[in-house]
Amino acid sequence: MTELDFDFLRVLLQRRSGLFLSIEKRYLVESRLGMLCRRRAIAGIPALVAQLRTCPASELEAAVVDAMTTNETLFFRDRTPFDLFRDIILPEKLAANAQSRTLRIWCAAVSTGQEAYSLAMLLDEVADRLAGWTVEILGTDISADVLERARQGLYSQFEVQRGLPIQLLLKHFRQEGDKWRLSERIRDKVDLKQHNLLEPNHQFGQFDIIFCRNVLIYFDVPTKARVMAALAGRLAQNGAFILGAAETVIGITTTLVPDPQYRGVYRDAASTAQARRPGFAATAERSSALPPLKIVRT
């Protein structure tokens, strides 16, 4: 792969997906796109780039973006955000939305679905508290291929062993050969749609809770700011925005501010300044609202 070919691919990937590739990532491009070339019987990366130059905005471009997108995910990844969701954020929203009895959650960059399905399983554990409520979980991703895998809900033994509590595996999955199929009942709780975070998102409406974890790390600062501005515009007043443990909004946006008590949780800056931590009940009230789920590790 020539330097010109690499530069062309870097520009294409950043324009189409926001993915920023430093020169140190050249090996990753050669590895992943080399596999794509072999699958499609393309002579090599120079031939691939020649086709991309000839046919911009083609299906091949989408395949290149898909090949370069990191789809690393697992059930209950980094357990803390899910504990916060169930024990802190969910009781908060149940109290705040008691009149409308609606709850909307967005999992951006949902990949093969484990994050959204983890939330769906947690909500299923408190289904009695949500009787009469309209609960929506939207999962979006740029890749049509991973979304199709998510819709199938079929996971390998390795995938279900990564973070999934054994009692939830036995409750919500059935074994099919050497794989495990998530129940249709849980899959039906999640609406999966293809969406590029660089594109307009107004069609999705407002959300009480937005998960966008371990995505910003792949963007440069201007792209991070653009994506965060778009996502923050979808967050309802007094909503909760959850980032990955290694991510922050500091230096990227002033629309959201860190929750002073819970790492990885962010709040709307205007609402927070006006109401001095609106929507947060006392710790005793929160802990009594929903008893913590006991997790048995696999």
Protein backbone atom coordinates (compact mmCIF):
# COMPACT_ATOMS: atom_id res chain seq x y z
CA MET A 1 0.00 0.00 0.00
CA THR A 2 1.47 3.32 -1.06
CA GLU A 3 1.40 6.47 1.04
CA LEU A 4 -1.06 7.99 -1.42
CA ASP A 5 -3.37 4.99 -1.09
CA PHE A 6 -3.19 5.19 2.70
CA ASP A 7 -3.95 8.91 2.68
CA PHE A 8 -6.93 8.32 0.38
CA LEU A 9 -8.30 5.66 2.72
CA ARG A 10 -7.74 7.84 5.80
CA VAL A 11 -9.72 10.69 4.26
CA LEU A 12 -12.50 8.37 3.06
CA LEU A 13 -12.88 6.68 6.44
CA GLN A 14 -12.95 9.94 8.36
CA ARG A 15 -15.46 11.47 5.98
CA ARG A 16 -17.76 8.44 5.98
CA SER A 17 -17.53 7.30 9.60
CA GLY A 18 -15.51 9.80 11.63
CA LEU A 19 -12.81 7.18 12.18
CA PHE A 20 -9.43 8.87 12.62
CA LEU A 21 -6.39 6.82 11.64
CA SER A 22 -2.91 7.94 12.59
CA ILE A 23 0.09 6.78 10.59
CA GLU A 24 0.71 4.17 13.30
CA LYS A 25 -2.55 2.47 12.27
CA ARG A 26 -1.32 1.69 8.77
CA TYR A 27 -0.80 -1.95 9.74
CA LEU A 28 -4.45 -2.17 10.80
CA VAL A 29 -5.62 -0.87 7.42
CA GLU A 30 -3.41 -3.37 5.59
CA SER A 31 -4.64 -6.25 7.76
CA ARG A 32 -8.37 -5.57 7.67
CA LEU A 33 -8.64 -4.36 4.10
CA GLY A 34 -6.34 -7.15 2.98
CA MET A 35 -8.94 -9.61 4.29
CA LEU A 36 -11.69 -7.65 2.51
CA CYS A 37 -9.76 -7.87 -0.75
CA ARG A 38 -9.37 -11.62 -0.40
CA ARG A 39 -13.09 -12.10 0.30
CA ARG A 40 -14.01 -10.07 -2.76
CA ALA A 41 -11.29 -11.43 -5.05
CA ILE A 42 -9.70 -7.99 -5.42
CA ALA A 43 -6.02 -8.11 -6.37
CA GLY A 44 -4.92 -5.99 -3.42
CA ILE A 45 -5.31 -2.67 -1.68
CA PRO A 46 -4.05 -0.62 -4.67
CA ALA A 47 -6.74 -2.27 -6.81
CA LEU A 48 -9.28 -1.65 -4.06
CA VAL A 49 -8.39 2.05 -3.92
CA ALA A 50 -8.63 2.25 -7.73
CA GLN A 51 -12.18 0.89 -7.57
CA LEU A 52 -13.09 3.29 -4.79
CA ARG A 53 -11.78 6.24 -6.80
CA THR A 54 -13.84 5.14 -9.79
CA CYS A 55 -17.07 4.51 -7.88
CA PRO A 56 -17.42 6.91 -4.93
CA ALA A 57 -20.33 6.47 -2.50
CA SER A 58 -20.63 2.84 -3.59
CA GLU A 59 -21.47 -0.35 -1.74
CA LEU A 60 -17.73 -1.03 -1.71
CA GLU A 61 -17.16 2.13 0.32
CA ALA A 62 -19.66 0.88 2.87
CA ALA A 63 -17.83 -2.46 2.99
CA VAL A 64 -14.52 -0.69 3.62
CA VAL A 65 -16.03 1.32 6.47
CA ASP A 66 -17.56 -1.84 7.91
CA ALA A 67 -14.22 -3.69 7.71
CA MET A 68 -12.42 -0.88 9.53
CA THR A 69 -15.01 -0.37 12.26
CA THR A 70 -14.12 -1.91 15.61
CA ASN A 71 -17.07 -3.97 16.86
CA GLU A 72 -15.68 -5.03 20.22
CA THR A 73 -18.50 -5.43 22.73
CA LEU A 74 -19.77 -7.80 25.39
CA PHE A 75 -22.66 -8.26 27.78
CA PHE A 76 -22.57 -5.92 30.81
CA ARG A 77 -19.29 -4.46 29.63
CA ASP A 78 -17.49 -2.61 32.43
CA ARG A 79 -20.17 -3.60 34.92
CA THR A 80 -20.37 -0.19 36.67
CA PRO A 81 -22.52 1.63 34.06
CA PHE A 82 -25.16 -1.08 34.30
CA ASP A 83 -25.16 -0.93 38.10
CA LEU A 84 -25.60 2.83 37.87
CA PHE A 85 -28.38 2.41 35.33
CA ARG A 86 -30.35 0.00 37.47
CA ASP A 87 -29.71 1.38 40.95
CA ILE A 88 -29.43 5.12 40.30
CA ILE A 89 -30.60 6.31 36.90
CA LEU A 90 -33.62 4.06 36.42
CA PRO A 91 -35.22 4.91 39.79
CA GLU A 92 -34.55 8.57 39.02
CA LYS A 93 -36.36 8.37 35.70
CA LEU A 94 -39.24 6.34 37.12
CA ALA A 95 -39.86 9.15 39.58
CA ALA A 96 -39.36 11.96 37.05
CA ASN A 97 -41.55 10.34 34.36
CA ALA A 98 -44.29 9.05 36.65
CA GLN A 99 -46.89 11.18 34.91
CA SER A 100 -46.01 10.35 31.31
CA ARG A 101 -45.05 6.74 32.14
CA THR A 102 -42.61 6.66 29.26
CA LEU A 103 -38.91 5.79 29.16
CA ARG A 104 -36.69 6.12 26.10
CA ILE A 105 -33.12 4.81 25.89
CA TRP A 106 -30.63 5.09 23.03
CA CYS A 107 -27.59 2.84 22.67
CA ALA A 108 -25.41 4.48 20.03
CA ALA A 109 -22.88 2.26 18.22
CA VAL A 110 -24.64 -0.84 19.53
CA SER A 111 -22.58 -3.27 17.42
CA THR A 112 -23.87 -6.85 17.81
CA GLY A 113 -26.39 -5.81 20.43
CA GLN A 114 -24.96 -6.90 23.77
CA GLU A 115 -25.22 -3.48 25.43
CA ALA A 116 -28.85 -2.91 24.45
CA TYR A 117 -29.83 -6.46 25.34
CA SER A 118 -28.09 -6.15 28.71
CA LEU A 119 -30.30 -3.15 29.46
CA ALA A 120 -33.37 -5.03 28.23
CA MET A 121 -32.61 -7.91 30.59
CA LEU A 122 -32.18 -5.52 33.52
CA LEU A 123 -35.51 -3.89 32.73
CA ASP A 124 -37.10 -7.32 32.54
CA GLU A 125 -35.95 -7.94 36.12
CA VAL A 126 -38.17 -5.04 37.26
CA ALA A 127 -41.03 -5.60 34.82
CA ASP A 128 -43.58 -5.30 37.61
CA ARG A 129 -42.44 -1.75 38.29
CA LEU A 130 -42.84 -0.90 34.58
CA ALA A 131 -46.37 -2.25 34.15
CA GLY A 132 -48.34 0.31 32.16
CA TRP A 133 -45.19 2.09 30.98
CA THR A 134 -44.06 2.57 27.39
CA VAL A 135 -40.38 1.64 27.33
CA GLU A 136 -38.28 2.01 24.18
CA ILE A 137 -34.70 0.95 23.63
CA LEU A 138 -33.14 2.10 20.36
CA GLY A 139 -29.87 0.53 19.23
CA THR A 140 -28.06 2.06 16.26
CA ASP A 141 -24.88 1.28 14.39
CA ILE A 142 -23.23 2.28 11.14
CA SER A 143 -22.76 -1.36 10.11
CA ALA A 144 -25.65 -3.27 8.58
CA ASP A 145 -23.78 -6.54 9.09
CA VAL A 146 -23.42 -6.25 12.86
CA LEU A 147 -27.03 -5.10 13.18
CA GLU A 148 -28.18 -8.22 11.38
CA ARG A 149 -26.17 -10.30 13.84
CA ALA A 150 -27.79 -8.38 16.68
CA ARG A 151 -31.26 -9.08 15.29
CA GLN A 152 -30.50 -12.79 15.17
CA GLY A 153 -29.43 -12.74 18.81
CA LEU A 154 -27.17 -15.75 18.29
CA TYR A 155 -23.95 -15.72 20.30
CA SER A 156 -21.01 -18.05 20.72
CA GLN A 157 -20.07 -19.72 23.99
CA PHE A 158 -17.17 -17.26 24.26
CA GLU A 159 -19.51 -14.28 23.82
CA VAL A 160 -21.99 -15.36 26.49
CA GLN A 161 -19.19 -16.10 28.91
CA ARG A 162 -17.92 -12.52 28.69
CA GLY A 163 -19.80 -10.64 31.39
CA LEU A 164 -23.18 -12.36 31.21
CA PRO A 165 -24.38 -13.59 34.63
CA ILE A 166 -25.16 -17.29 34.59
CA GLN A 167 -28.71 -16.82 35.86
CA LEU A 168 -29.52 -14.46 32.98
CA LEU A 169 -27.99 -16.88 30.48
CA LEU A 170 -30.20 -19.70 31.73
CA LYS A 171 -33.27 -17.46 31.91
CA HIS A 172 -33.11 -15.71 28.55
CA PHE A 173 -31.09 -17.95 26.20
CA ARG A 174 -31.51 -21.39 24.72
CA GLN A 175 -28.63 -23.44 23.40
CA GLU A 176 -28.47 -24.18 19.68
CA GLY A 177 -25.55 -26.47 18.96
CA ASP A 178 -22.44 -24.68 20.18
CA LYS A 179 -24.19 -21.28 20.30
CA TRP A 180 -26.81 -19.52 22.40
CA ARG A 181 -29.94 -17.78 21.09
CA LEU A 182 -31.39 -14.84 23.03
CA SER A 183 -35.13 -15.13 23.57
CA GLU A 184 -37.38 -13.36 21.11
CA ARG A 185 -39.11 -11.66 24.03
CA ILE A 186 -35.92 -9.82 25.01
CA ARG A 187 -34.93 -9.12 21.39
CA ASP A 188 -38.34 -7.55 20.77
CA LYS A 189 -37.61 -4.97 23.47
CA VAL A 190 -34.87 -3.42 21.32
CA ASP A 191 -35.42 -1.53 18.06
CA LEU A 192 -32.29 -1.82 15.88
CA LYS A 193 -31.65 0.73 13.14
CA GLN A 194 -28.72 1.62 10.92
CA HIS A 195 -27.39 5.10 11.65
CA ASN A 196 -24.16 6.99 11.11
CA LEU A 197 -23.36 9.24 14.08
CA LEU A 198 -22.12 11.88 11.64
CA GLU A 199 -25.56 12.18 10.08
CA PRO A 200 -28.69 14.02 11.37
CA ASN A 201 -30.55 12.26 14.18
CA HIS A 202 -33.60 14.46 14.74
CA GLN A 203 -35.85 11.68 13.42
CA PHE A 204 -35.24 9.69 16.61
CA GLY A 205 -36.75 12.23 19.00
CA GLN A 206 -35.67 12.80 22.60
CA PHE A 207 -34.23 10.24 25.02
CA ASP A 208 -34.13 10.03 28.79
CA ILE A 209 -30.90 8.03 28.74
CA ILE A 210 -28.20 7.84 26.08
CA PHE A 211 -25.37 5.31 26.10
CA CYS A 212 -22.46 6.18 23.81
CA ARG A 213 -19.57 4.23 25.23
CA ASN A 214 -16.13 3.54 23.78
CA VAL A 215 -16.92 5.32 20.51
CA LEU A 216 -15.37 8.78 20.87
CA ILE A 217 -11.91 7.24 21.31
CA TYR A 218 -11.84 6.55 17.57
CA PHE A 219 -12.53 10.18 16.55
CA ASP A 220 -10.36 13.28 16.41
CA VAL A 221 -11.36 16.26 18.56
CA PRO A 222 -13.44 18.13 15.94
CA THR A 223 -15.38 14.96 15.14
CA LYS A 224 -15.89 14.23 18.83
CA ALA A 225 -17.33 17.71 19.28
CA ARG A 226 -19.63 17.28 16.28
CA VAL A 227 -20.92 13.91 17.45
CA MET A 228 -21.37 15.04 21.05
CA ALA A 229 -23.31 18.13 19.97
CA ALA A 230 -25.66 15.97 17.90
CA LEU A 231 -26.19 13.42 20.65
CA ALA A 232 -26.63 16.04 23.37
CA GLY A 233 -29.39 17.55 21.26
CA ARG A 234 -31.33 14.29 21.65
CA LEU A 235 -31.03 14.19 25.45
CA ALA A 236 -34.22 15.13 27.28
CA GLN A 237 -34.12 17.65 30.09
CA ASN A 238 -32.62 16.10 33.22
CA GLY A 239 -31.59 13.06 31.21
CA ALA A 240 -28.47 10.96 31.73
CA PHE A 241 -25.67 10.55 29.20
CA ILE A 242 -23.25 7.65 29.73
CA LEU A 243 -19.76 7.52 28.23
CA GLY A 244 -17.02 4.92 28.53
CA ALA A 245 -14.67 4.93 31.50
CA ALA A 246 -11.79 6.34 29.43
CA GLU A 247 -13.90 9.04 27.76
CA THR A 248 -14.85 12.56 28.82
CA VAL A 249 -16.75 15.59 27.54
CA ILE A 250 -14.19 17.97 29.01
CA GLY A 251 -12.63 20.03 26.23
CA ILE A 252 -15.20 18.71 23.76
CA THR A 253 -18.52 20.26 24.76
CA THR A 254 -19.96 22.57 27.40
CA THR A 255 -23.50 21.35 26.80
CA LEU A 256 -22.95 18.36 29.07
CA VAL A 257 -21.19 18.35 32.43
CA PRO A 258 -19.88 15.43 34.50
CA ASP A 259 -22.09 14.19 37.27
CA PRO A 260 -20.07 15.04 40.39
CA GLN A 261 -21.00 11.78 42.09
CA TYR A 262 -20.99 9.12 39.38
CA ARG A 263 -18.09 8.64 37.00
CA GLY A 264 -19.05 8.22 33.36
CA VAL A 265 -22.45 9.90 33.79
CA TYR A 266 -23.08 13.34 32.29
CA ARG A 267 -25.93 15.80 32.63
CA ASP A 268 -27.35 18.69 30.67
CA ALA A 269 -25.38 21.74 31.79
CA ALA A 270 -28.28 24.22 31.64
CA SER A 271 -30.67 22.04 33.66
CA THR A 272 -28.00 21.19 36.19
CA ALA A 273 -27.07 24.83 36.76
CA GLN A 274 -30.71 25.86 37.11
CA ALA A 275 -31.94 23.13 39.41
CA ARG A 276 -28.78 22.06 41.26
CA ARG A 277 -28.80 18.36 40.41
CA PRO A 278 -32.43 17.91 39.40
CA GLY A 279 -34.05 14.51 39.48
CA PHE A 280 -31.68 12.97 41.99
CA ALA A 281 -33.45 11.58 45.01
CA ALA A 282 -31.70 11.00 48.28
CA THR A 283 -29.46 7.97 48.37
CA ALA A 284 -31.77 6.15 50.80
CA GLU A 285 -34.76 6.71 48.54
CA ARG A 286 -32.91 5.44 45.50
CA SER A 287 -31.63 2.31 47.16
CA SER A 288 -35.08 1.43 48.45
CA ALA A 289 -36.74 1.96 45.06
CA LEU A 290 -35.09 -1.00 43.37
CA PRO A 291 -33.16 -3.59 45.35
CA PRO A 292 -29.76 -4.34 43.76
CA LEU A 293 -29.50 -7.31 41.45
CA LYS A 294 -27.19 -9.98 42.78
CA ILE A 295 -24.74 -11.03 40.12
CA VAL A 296 -23.27 -14.50 39.93
CA ARG A 297 -20.19 -14.54 37.72
CA THR A 298 -19.73 -17.22 35.08
